[in-house]
């Protein structure tokens, strides 16, 4: 038996694939606003 609280849980995911086939992704429990998308894109630029 698994006890649950009944509270709902959500997660949001963003992903991108580079021209060389490298996959980048980010999972967040916060809402996806422009600030989160810009942060994701900045992380991708930092890794390329």
N, C-alpha and C. Protein backbone atom coordinates (compact mmCIF):
# COMPACT_ATOMS: atom_id res chain seq x y z
N UNK A 1 0.84 -1.16 0.00
CA UNK A 1 0.00 0.00 0.00
C UNK A 1 0.89 1.24 0.00
N UNK A 2 0.55 2.18 -0.84
CA UNK A 2 1.29 3.43 -0.92
C UNK A 2 0.37 4.55 -0.46
N UNK A 3 0.79 5.27 0.53
CA UNK A 3 -0.02 6.39 1.02
C UNK A 3 0.33 7.64 0.22
N UNK A 4 -0.66 8.39 -0.13
CA UNK A 4 -0.46 9.63 -0.90
C UNK A 4 -1.17 10.77 -0.20
N UNK A 5 -0.66 11.97 -0.42
CA UNK A 5 -1.27 13.15 0.19
C UNK A 5 -2.45 13.65 -0.62
N UNK A 6 -2.52 13.31 -1.88
CA UNK A 6 -3.59 13.81 -2.73
C UNK A 6 -3.25 15.14 -3.38
N UNK A 7 -2.11 15.72 -3.01
CA UNK A 7 -1.69 16.98 -3.62
C UNK A 7 -1.22 16.72 -5.04
N UNK A 8 -1.56 17.64 -5.91
CA UNK A 8 -1.13 17.51 -7.30
C UNK A 8 0.30 18.01 -7.45
N UNK A 9 1.00 17.45 -8.41
CA UNK A 9 2.38 17.82 -8.67
C UNK A 9 2.53 17.99 -10.17
N UNK A 10 3.22 19.02 -10.58
CA UNK A 10 3.46 19.19 -12.01
C UNK A 10 4.92 19.54 -12.25
N UNK A 11 5.37 19.21 -13.43
CA UNK A 11 6.73 19.54 -13.85
C UNK A 11 6.67 19.99 -15.30
N UNK A 12 7.54 20.90 -15.64
CA UNK A 12 7.64 21.42 -17.00
C UNK A 12 9.02 21.06 -17.55
N UNK A 13 9.07 20.79 -18.83
CA UNK A 13 10.33 20.41 -19.46
C UNK A 13 10.55 21.20 -20.74
N UNK A 14 11.80 21.57 -20.97
CA UNK A 14 12.21 22.21 -22.22
C UNK A 14 13.37 21.40 -22.77
N UNK A 15 13.42 21.27 -24.08
CA UNK A 15 14.54 20.54 -24.68
C UNK A 15 14.90 21.15 -26.02
N UNK A 16 16.13 20.88 -26.42
CA UNK A 16 16.63 21.36 -27.71
C UNK A 16 17.67 20.37 -28.21
N UNK A 17 17.77 20.24 -29.51
CA UNK A 17 18.77 19.36 -30.13
C UNK A 17 19.65 20.21 -31.03
N UNK A 18 20.96 20.11 -30.82
CA UNK A 18 21.90 20.90 -31.62
C UNK A 18 22.06 20.31 -33.01
N UNK A 19 22.73 21.04 -33.87
CA UNK A 19 22.98 20.56 -35.23
C UNK A 19 23.90 19.35 -35.25
N UNK A 20 24.65 19.13 -34.16
CA UNK A 20 25.53 17.97 -34.06
C UNK A 20 24.86 16.79 -33.36
N UNK A 21 23.59 16.96 -33.00
CA UNK A 21 22.85 15.87 -32.40
C UNK A 21 22.89 15.82 -30.88
N UNK A 22 23.46 16.83 -30.26
CA UNK A 22 23.52 16.87 -28.80
C UNK A 22 22.19 17.37 -28.25
N UNK A 23 21.67 16.67 -27.26
CA UNK A 23 20.39 17.05 -26.67
C UNK A 23 20.62 17.77 -25.35
N UNK A 24 19.95 18.89 -25.17
CA UNK A 24 19.97 19.64 -23.92
C UNK A 24 18.55 19.70 -23.40
N UNK A 25 18.40 19.55 -22.10
CA UNK A 25 17.06 19.63 -21.55
C UNK A 25 17.10 20.24 -20.15
N UNK A 26 15.94 20.71 -19.72
CA UNK A 26 15.80 21.27 -18.38
C UNK A 26 14.41 20.93 -17.87
N UNK A 27 14.32 20.44 -16.66
CA UNK A 27 13.05 20.13 -16.02
C UNK A 27 12.90 21.06 -14.84
N UNK A 28 11.71 21.63 -14.70
CA UNK A 28 11.47 22.61 -13.64
C UNK A 28 10.09 22.39 -13.05
N UNK A 29 9.96 22.65 -11.76
CA UNK A 29 8.65 22.58 -11.12
C UNK A 29 7.97 23.94 -11.09
N UNK A 30 8.68 24.97 -11.52
CA UNK A 30 8.11 26.31 -11.57
C UNK A 30 7.44 26.54 -12.92
N UNK A 31 6.61 27.55 -13.00
CA UNK A 31 5.95 27.91 -14.26
C UNK A 31 6.98 28.40 -15.27
N UNK A 32 6.73 28.14 -16.53
CA UNK A 32 7.66 28.54 -17.58
C UNK A 32 7.31 29.94 -18.06
N UNK A 33 8.02 30.89 -17.55
CA UNK A 33 7.87 32.27 -17.98
C UNK A 33 9.07 32.62 -18.85
N UNK A 34 9.07 33.82 -19.40
CA UNK A 34 10.15 34.26 -20.28
C UNK A 34 11.50 34.17 -19.59
N UNK A 35 11.54 34.45 -18.29
CA UNK A 35 12.81 34.41 -17.55
C UNK A 35 13.39 32.99 -17.55
N UNK A 36 12.54 31.98 -17.38
CA UNK A 36 13.01 30.59 -17.39
C UNK A 36 13.49 30.18 -18.77
N UNK A 37 12.79 30.59 -19.81
CA UNK A 37 13.19 30.26 -21.18
C UNK A 37 14.52 30.93 -21.51
N UNK A 38 14.68 32.19 -21.14
CA UNK A 38 15.94 32.90 -21.39
C UNK A 38 17.08 32.24 -20.62
N UNK A 39 16.83 31.80 -19.41
CA UNK A 39 17.85 31.08 -18.64
C UNK A 39 18.25 29.78 -19.31
N UNK A 40 17.29 29.06 -19.85
CA UNK A 40 17.57 27.81 -20.57
C UNK A 40 18.41 28.08 -21.80
N UNK A 41 18.06 29.10 -22.56
CA UNK A 41 18.83 29.44 -23.75
C UNK A 41 20.25 29.89 -23.40
N UNK A 42 20.40 30.62 -22.30
CA UNK A 42 21.74 31.04 -21.86
C UNK A 42 22.59 29.83 -21.48
N UNK A 43 21.98 28.82 -20.87
CA UNK A 43 22.72 27.59 -20.53
C UNK A 43 23.19 26.87 -21.78
N UNK A 44 22.31 26.84 -22.80
CA UNK A 44 22.69 26.18 -24.05
C UNK A 44 23.86 26.90 -24.70
N UNK A 45 23.80 28.22 -24.76
CA UNK A 45 24.88 29.00 -25.37
C UNK A 45 26.18 28.77 -24.61
N UNK A 46 26.10 28.66 -23.30
CA UNK A 46 27.29 28.42 -22.49
C UNK A 46 27.94 27.08 -22.74
N UNK A 47 27.17 26.09 -23.18
CA UNK A 47 27.71 24.75 -23.42
C UNK A 47 28.20 24.55 -24.85
N UNK A 48 27.84 25.45 -25.74
CA UNK A 48 28.21 25.26 -27.15
C UNK A 48 29.56 25.86 -27.43
